[in-house]
Amino acid sequence: MLNTAKDFMWNHKALTLPFVSSGLCIIWLIMEPGPEPTVALLVSVLTFWSLFFQERDTWYTKTQGKLWVIVGRSGNQKDQDNYIKQTLLKFEPVAKYKIDSDSDFFTLTIDSYSSVKTECLITQARTLGSKLNSITKNGNCIWEYEEP
């Protein structure tokens, strides 16, 4: 139990001050009840709570592996879902992914540790009834559709 608490505090250093001040405010409230320790406790707890959620949300904004952004279009929703499902299988293991869809256009953002060949993604899109507009890896456009 002590190691778990110590590991938590070490990994979340920004939370240490509001967490410790919350504990001290509880002791102060027990020893001397009144409005000052109550307000101090509420402020400490709210600060701890907001920092906790802010730190938890950074997982979504930090890249774990390679960041791929695949932009394409599909004739219907079924083909689009099928393409996205098959693409995610190719990128195993996937740290996280996000799908933005607007009518027949879609943007698939994948954070993955694996490396996939661009030609493989293009061929897969053609066989599953989707057309790709561009593929971006770590912010660099590695493939873009050119009209013949």
Protein backbone atom coordinates (compact mmCIF):
# COMPACT_ATOMS: atom_id res chain seq x y z
CA MET A 1 0.00 0.00 0.00
CA LEU A 2 2.77 2.45 0.89
CA ASN A 3 4.67 1.71 -2.34
CA THR A 4 1.51 2.32 -4.35
CA ALA A 5 0.95 5.71 -2.70
CA LYS A 6 4.62 6.62 -3.11
CA ASP A 7 4.55 5.60 -6.80
CA PHE A 8 1.37 7.61 -7.36
CA MET A 9 2.90 10.72 -5.78
CA TRP A 10 6.16 10.30 -7.72
CA ASN A 11 4.37 9.88 -11.08
CA HIS A 12 2.00 12.79 -10.41
CA LYS A 13 4.28 15.43 -8.91
CA ALA A 14 1.94 18.30 -9.78
CA LEU A 15 -0.72 16.74 -7.57
CA THR A 16 1.51 16.51 -4.49
CA LEU A 17 1.01 20.04 -3.17
CA PRO A 18 -2.82 20.13 -3.33
CA PHE A 19 -2.99 16.55 -2.02
CA VAL A 20 -0.77 17.29 0.99
CA SER A 21 -2.50 20.62 1.66
CA SER A 22 -5.87 18.81 1.60
CA GLY A 23 -4.59 16.41 4.25
CA LEU A 24 -3.27 19.26 6.39
CA CYS A 25 -6.57 21.14 6.00
CA ILE A 26 -8.45 18.08 7.26
CA ILE A 27 -6.22 18.01 10.36
CA TRP A 28 -6.74 21.78 10.81
CA LEU A 29 -10.52 21.36 10.44
CA ILE A 30 -10.57 18.61 13.10
CA MET A 31 -8.43 20.62 15.53
CA GLU A 32 -10.15 23.99 15.00
CA PRO A 33 -13.52 23.88 13.20
CA GLY A 34 -14.42 27.06 11.38
CA PRO A 35 -14.84 28.73 8.02
CA GLU A 36 -11.11 29.24 7.26
CA PRO A 37 -10.09 25.56 7.32
CA THR A 38 -13.28 24.64 5.45
CA VAL A 39 -12.54 27.10 2.63
CA ALA A 40 -8.89 26.03 2.52
CA LEU A 41 -9.96 22.38 2.31
CA LEU A 42 -12.44 23.08 -0.49
CA VAL A 43 -9.86 25.03 -2.49
CA SER A 44 -7.25 22.29 -2.04
CA VAL A 45 -9.68 19.54 -3.03
CA LEU A 46 -10.89 21.47 -6.09
CA THR A 47 -7.29 22.17 -7.15
CA PHE A 48 -6.36 18.52 -6.69
CA TRP A 49 -9.45 17.40 -8.62
CA SER A 50 -8.87 19.76 -11.57
CA LEU A 51 -5.15 18.90 -11.80
CA PHE A 52 -5.98 15.19 -11.65
CA PHE A 53 -8.35 15.45 -14.62
CA GLN A 54 -5.97 17.73 -16.50
CA GLU A 55 -3.17 15.18 -16.11
CA ARG A 56 -5.47 12.34 -17.08
CA ASP A 57 -6.44 14.18 -20.28
CA THR A 58 -2.81 14.61 -21.38
CA TRP A 59 -2.84 10.95 -22.41
CA TYR A 60 -5.08 11.96 -25.30
CA THR A 61 -2.86 14.82 -26.39
CA LYS A 62 0.53 13.10 -26.14
CA THR A 63 1.64 10.71 -28.87
CA GLN A 64 2.68 7.28 -27.66
CA GLY A 65 4.18 5.97 -30.92
CA LYS A 66 3.95 7.05 -34.55
CA LEU A 67 1.04 9.31 -35.44
CA TRP A 68 -0.69 8.40 -38.71
CA VAL A 69 -3.46 10.53 -40.24
CA ILE A 70 -5.34 8.90 -43.11
CA VAL A 71 -7.81 11.07 -45.02
CA GLY A 72 -10.13 9.47 -47.53
CA ARG A 73 -13.64 9.05 -48.77
CA SER A 74 -15.98 6.16 -49.14
CA GLY A 75 -19.14 5.54 -51.12
CA ASN A 76 -21.16 4.38 -48.15
CA GLN A 77 -20.92 3.97 -44.39
CA LYS A 78 -20.53 0.18 -44.56
CA ASP A 79 -17.43 0.40 -46.80
CA GLN A 80 -16.00 3.12 -44.58
CA ASP A 81 -16.51 1.11 -41.39
CA ASN A 82 -15.03 -1.98 -43.04
CA TYR A 83 -11.95 -0.05 -44.21
CA ILE A 84 -11.39 1.52 -40.80
CA LYS A 85 -11.75 -1.84 -39.05
CA GLN A 86 -9.29 -3.54 -41.42
CA THR A 87 -6.83 -0.63 -41.16
CA LEU A 88 -6.84 -0.71 -37.37
CA LEU A 89 -6.05 -4.44 -37.53
CA LYS A 90 -2.99 -3.68 -39.67
CA PHE A 91 -1.70 -1.19 -37.11
CA GLU A 92 -1.67 -3.59 -34.15
CA PRO A 93 -0.80 -2.64 -31.44
CA VAL A 94 -2.75 0.63 -31.50
CA ALA A 95 -2.23 2.99 -28.56
CA LYS A 96 -5.27 5.08 -29.50
CA TYR A 97 -7.28 6.17 -32.51
CA LYS A 98 -9.89 8.74 -33.48
CA ILE A 99 -12.36 8.77 -36.37
CA ASP A 100 -13.79 12.02 -37.73
CA SER A 101 -16.43 11.56 -40.38
CA ASP A 102 -18.27 14.16 -42.43
CA SER A 103 -20.71 12.71 -44.99
CA ASP A 104 -18.60 10.47 -47.24
CA PHE A 105 -15.22 11.90 -46.14
CA PHE A 106 -13.36 10.48 -43.16
CA THR A 107 -10.20 11.21 -41.21
CA LEU A 108 -8.65 8.33 -39.31
CA THR A 109 -5.98 9.31 -36.77
CA ILE A 110 -3.97 6.39 -35.40
CA ASP A 111 -1.28 6.41 -32.72
CA SER A 112 0.57 3.14 -33.16
CA TYR A 113 3.87 1.48 -32.35
CA SER A 114 3.90 -0.58 -35.53
CA SER A 115 5.10 0.45 -38.95
CA VAL A 116 2.90 -0.15 -41.98
CA LYS A 117 3.85 0.28 -45.62
CA THR A 118 1.99 3.03 -47.44
CA GLU A 119 1.39 0.84 -50.50
CA CYS A 120 -0.37 -1.69 -48.28
CA LEU A 121 -2.81 0.98 -47.04
CA ILE A 122 -3.56 2.22 -50.57
CA THR A 123 -4.15 -1.28 -51.93
CA GLN A 124 -6.38 -2.12 -49.00
CA ALA A 125 -8.44 1.03 -49.58
CA ARG A 126 -8.98 0.12 -53.23
CA THR A 127 -10.08 -3.42 -52.43
CA LEU A 128 -12.50 -2.27 -49.71
CA GLY A 129 -14.22 0.41 -51.81
CA SER A 130 -12.58 3.51 -50.30
CA LYS A 131 -10.40 6.18 -51.90
CA LEU A 132 -7.57 7.80 -49.99
CA ASN A 133 -6.74 11.48 -50.35
CA SER A 134 -3.60 11.62 -48.22
CA ILE A 135 -1.53 9.76 -45.66
CA THR A 136 0.48 11.68 -43.07
CA LYS A 137 3.00 10.14 -40.68
CA ASN A 138 4.31 12.20 -37.74
CA GLY A 139 3.22 15.43 -39.42
CA ASN A 140 4.93 14.69 -42.75
CA CYS A 141 2.76 13.97 -45.79
CA ILE A 142 4.11 10.67 -47.15
CA TRP A 143 1.46 10.12 -49.83
CA GLU A 144 -1.08 12.30 -51.56
CA TYR A 145 -3.56 11.42 -54.27
CA GLU A 146 -2.76 12.93 -57.65
CA GLU A 147 -5.35 12.97 -60.40
CA PRO A 148 -4.15 11.31 -63.61
